[in-house]
Amino acid sequence: MLRLALAFFIIAIIAAVFGFGGIAAGAATIAKWLFFIFVILFVVALLAGALRGRRP
């Protein structure tokens, strides 16, 4: 999921360079949402692992 966020971020940068403002804004928004979803899932996985009590 983090790769998708990075891909949409790169698409947003390239679109902004070429002057496609609407496409750049849309890709940046998608990248932002994917990044936040990734962070939330990562925190949930960390908490689930900590609550299980498994040792690394």
N, C-alpha and C. Protein backbone atom coordinates (compact mmCIF):
# COMPACT_ATOMS: atom_id res chain seq x y z
N MET A 1 0.83 -1.18 0.00
CA MET A 1 0.00 0.00 0.00
C MET A 1 0.87 1.25 0.00
N LEU A 2 2.00 1.15 0.67
CA LEU A 2 2.91 2.29 0.69
C LEU A 2 3.48 2.53 -0.70
N ARG A 3 3.67 1.45 -1.47
CA ARG A 3 4.15 1.61 -2.85
C ARG A 3 3.14 2.36 -3.69
N LEU A 4 1.85 2.06 -3.49
CA LEU A 4 0.81 2.78 -4.24
C LEU A 4 0.80 4.26 -3.90
N ALA A 5 0.96 4.56 -2.62
CA ALA A 5 1.00 5.97 -2.22
C ALA A 5 2.18 6.67 -2.86
N LEU A 6 3.33 5.99 -2.89
CA LEU A 6 4.51 6.57 -3.52
C LEU A 6 4.30 6.74 -5.02
N ALA A 7 3.66 5.77 -5.65
CA ALA A 7 3.40 5.87 -7.09
C ALA A 7 2.48 7.04 -7.41
N PHE A 8 1.42 7.21 -6.63
CA PHE A 8 0.52 8.33 -6.87
C PHE A 8 1.20 9.67 -6.57
N PHE A 9 2.10 9.69 -5.61
CA PHE A 9 2.85 10.91 -5.31
C PHE A 9 3.74 11.28 -6.50
N ILE A 10 4.39 10.29 -7.08
CA ILE A 10 5.25 10.55 -8.24
C ILE A 10 4.41 11.01 -9.43
N ILE A 11 3.24 10.40 -9.62
CA ILE A 11 2.34 10.83 -10.69
C ILE A 11 1.91 12.28 -10.46
N ALA A 12 1.64 12.63 -9.21
CA ALA A 12 1.24 14.01 -8.90
C ALA A 12 2.36 15.00 -9.21
N ILE A 13 3.59 14.63 -8.88
CA ILE A 13 4.73 15.52 -9.15
C ILE A 13 4.91 15.70 -10.65
N ILE A 14 4.85 14.60 -11.40
CA ILE A 14 5.03 14.69 -12.86
C ILE A 14 3.90 15.51 -13.48
N ALA A 15 2.67 15.28 -13.04
CA ALA A 15 1.54 16.04 -13.59
C ALA A 15 1.66 17.52 -13.26
N ALA A 16 2.16 17.83 -12.08
CA ALA A 16 2.33 19.24 -11.70
C ALA A 16 3.39 19.91 -12.56
N VAL A 17 4.45 19.18 -12.86
CA VAL A 17 5.53 19.75 -13.69
C VAL A 17 5.01 20.07 -15.09
N PHE A 18 4.15 19.21 -15.62
CA PHE A 18 3.62 19.44 -16.96
C PHE A 18 2.40 20.34 -16.98
N GLY A 19 1.95 20.81 -15.83
CA GLY A 19 0.87 21.79 -15.79
C GLY A 19 -0.53 21.22 -15.71
N PHE A 20 -0.67 19.95 -15.42
CA PHE A 20 -1.99 19.35 -15.28
C PHE A 20 -2.41 19.46 -13.82
N GLY A 21 -2.96 20.61 -13.46
CA GLY A 21 -3.30 20.87 -12.06
C GLY A 21 -4.35 19.95 -11.48
N GLY A 22 -5.38 19.65 -12.25
CA GLY A 22 -6.46 18.79 -11.75
C GLY A 22 -5.98 17.37 -11.51
N ILE A 23 -5.20 16.85 -12.45
CA ILE A 23 -4.67 15.49 -12.30
C ILE A 23 -3.69 15.44 -11.14
N ALA A 24 -2.86 16.46 -11.01
CA ALA A 24 -1.89 16.50 -9.92
C ALA A 24 -2.59 16.54 -8.56
N ALA A 25 -3.64 17.33 -8.46
CA ALA A 25 -4.37 17.42 -7.19
C ALA A 25 -5.06 16.10 -6.87
N GLY A 26 -5.62 15.46 -7.87
CA GLY A 26 -6.29 14.17 -7.65
C GLY A 26 -5.30 13.10 -7.23
N ALA A 27 -4.17 13.02 -7.89
CA ALA A 27 -3.16 12.02 -7.55
C ALA A 27 -2.58 12.29 -6.17
N ALA A 28 -2.38 13.55 -5.83
CA ALA A 28 -1.86 13.88 -4.51
C ALA A 28 -2.85 13.51 -3.41
N THR A 29 -4.12 13.72 -3.67
CA THR A 29 -5.15 13.36 -2.70
C THR A 29 -5.19 11.84 -2.49
N ILE A 30 -5.12 11.09 -3.58
CA ILE A 30 -5.12 9.63 -3.47
C ILE A 30 -3.89 9.17 -2.71
N ALA A 31 -2.73 9.74 -3.01
CA ALA A 31 -1.51 9.36 -2.32
C ALA A 31 -1.60 9.66 -0.83
N LYS A 32 -2.19 10.79 -0.50
CA LYS A 32 -2.33 11.16 0.91
C LYS A 32 -3.24 10.18 1.65
N TRP A 33 -4.37 9.82 1.05
CA TRP A 33 -5.29 8.87 1.67
C TRP A 33 -4.64 7.51 1.85
N LEU A 34 -3.95 7.04 0.82
CA LEU A 34 -3.29 5.73 0.92
C LEU A 34 -2.22 5.73 2.00
N PHE A 35 -1.49 6.83 2.11
CA PHE A 35 -0.46 6.91 3.14
C PHE A 35 -1.08 6.86 4.54
N PHE A 36 -2.15 7.60 4.76
CA PHE A 36 -2.78 7.59 6.08
C PHE A 36 -3.41 6.23 6.40
N ILE A 37 -3.98 5.58 5.40
CA ILE A 37 -4.51 4.24 5.62
C ILE A 37 -3.39 3.28 5.99
N PHE A 38 -2.24 3.40 5.31
CA PHE A 38 -1.09 2.57 5.62
C PHE A 38 -0.63 2.80 7.06
N VAL A 39 -0.54 4.05 7.48
CA VAL A 39 -0.08 4.36 8.84
C VAL A 39 -1.06 3.78 9.87
N ILE A 40 -2.35 3.92 9.63
CA ILE A 40 -3.35 3.40 10.56
C ILE A 40 -3.25 1.88 10.66
N LEU A 41 -3.13 1.20 9.52
CA LEU A 41 -3.01 -0.26 9.54
C LEU A 41 -1.72 -0.70 10.21
N PHE A 42 -0.65 0.06 10.03
CA PHE A 42 0.62 -0.26 10.68
C PHE A 42 0.51 -0.15 12.20
N VAL A 43 -0.13 0.91 12.68
CA VAL A 43 -0.31 1.08 14.13
C VAL A 43 -1.20 -0.02 14.69
N VAL A 44 -2.26 -0.37 13.98
CA VAL A 44 -3.14 -1.45 14.43
C VAL A 44 -2.38 -2.76 14.51
N ALA A 45 -1.53 -3.04 13.52
CA ALA A 45 -0.74 -4.27 13.53
C ALA A 45 0.25 -4.27 14.69
N LEU A 46 0.85 -3.13 14.98
CA LEU A 46 1.77 -3.04 16.12
C LEU A 46 1.04 -3.28 17.44
N LEU A 47 -0.13 -2.67 17.59
CA LEU A 47 -0.89 -2.86 18.82
C LEU A 47 -1.38 -4.30 18.96
N ALA A 48 -1.79 -4.91 17.86
CA ALA A 48 -2.26 -6.29 17.91
C ALA A 48 -1.11 -7.21 18.30
N GLY A 49 0.08 -6.96 17.78
CA GLY A 49 1.23 -7.76 18.14
C GLY A 49 1.63 -7.57 19.59
N ALA A 50 1.50 -6.35 20.09
CA ALA A 50 1.85 -6.08 21.49
C ALA A 50 0.83 -6.70 22.43
N LEU A 51 -0.44 -6.70 22.06
CA LEU A 51 -1.47 -7.26 22.92
C LEU A 51 -1.43 -8.79 22.94
N ARG A 52 -0.91 -9.39 21.91
CA ARG A 52 -0.80 -10.85 21.88
C ARG A 52 0.27 -11.34 22.85
N GLY A 53 1.23 -10.50 23.12
CA GLY A 53 2.27 -10.84 24.06
C GLY A 53 3.38 -11.69 23.48
N ARG A 54 3.47 -11.75 22.19
CA ARG A 54 4.54 -12.51 21.56
C ARG A 54 5.85 -11.75 21.68
N ARG A 55 6.88 -12.48 21.93
CA ARG A 55 8.20 -11.85 22.01
C ARG A 55 8.88 -11.95 20.65
N PRO A 56 9.60 -10.90 20.29
CA PRO A 56 10.28 -10.91 18.97
C PRO A 56 11.43 -11.90 18.94
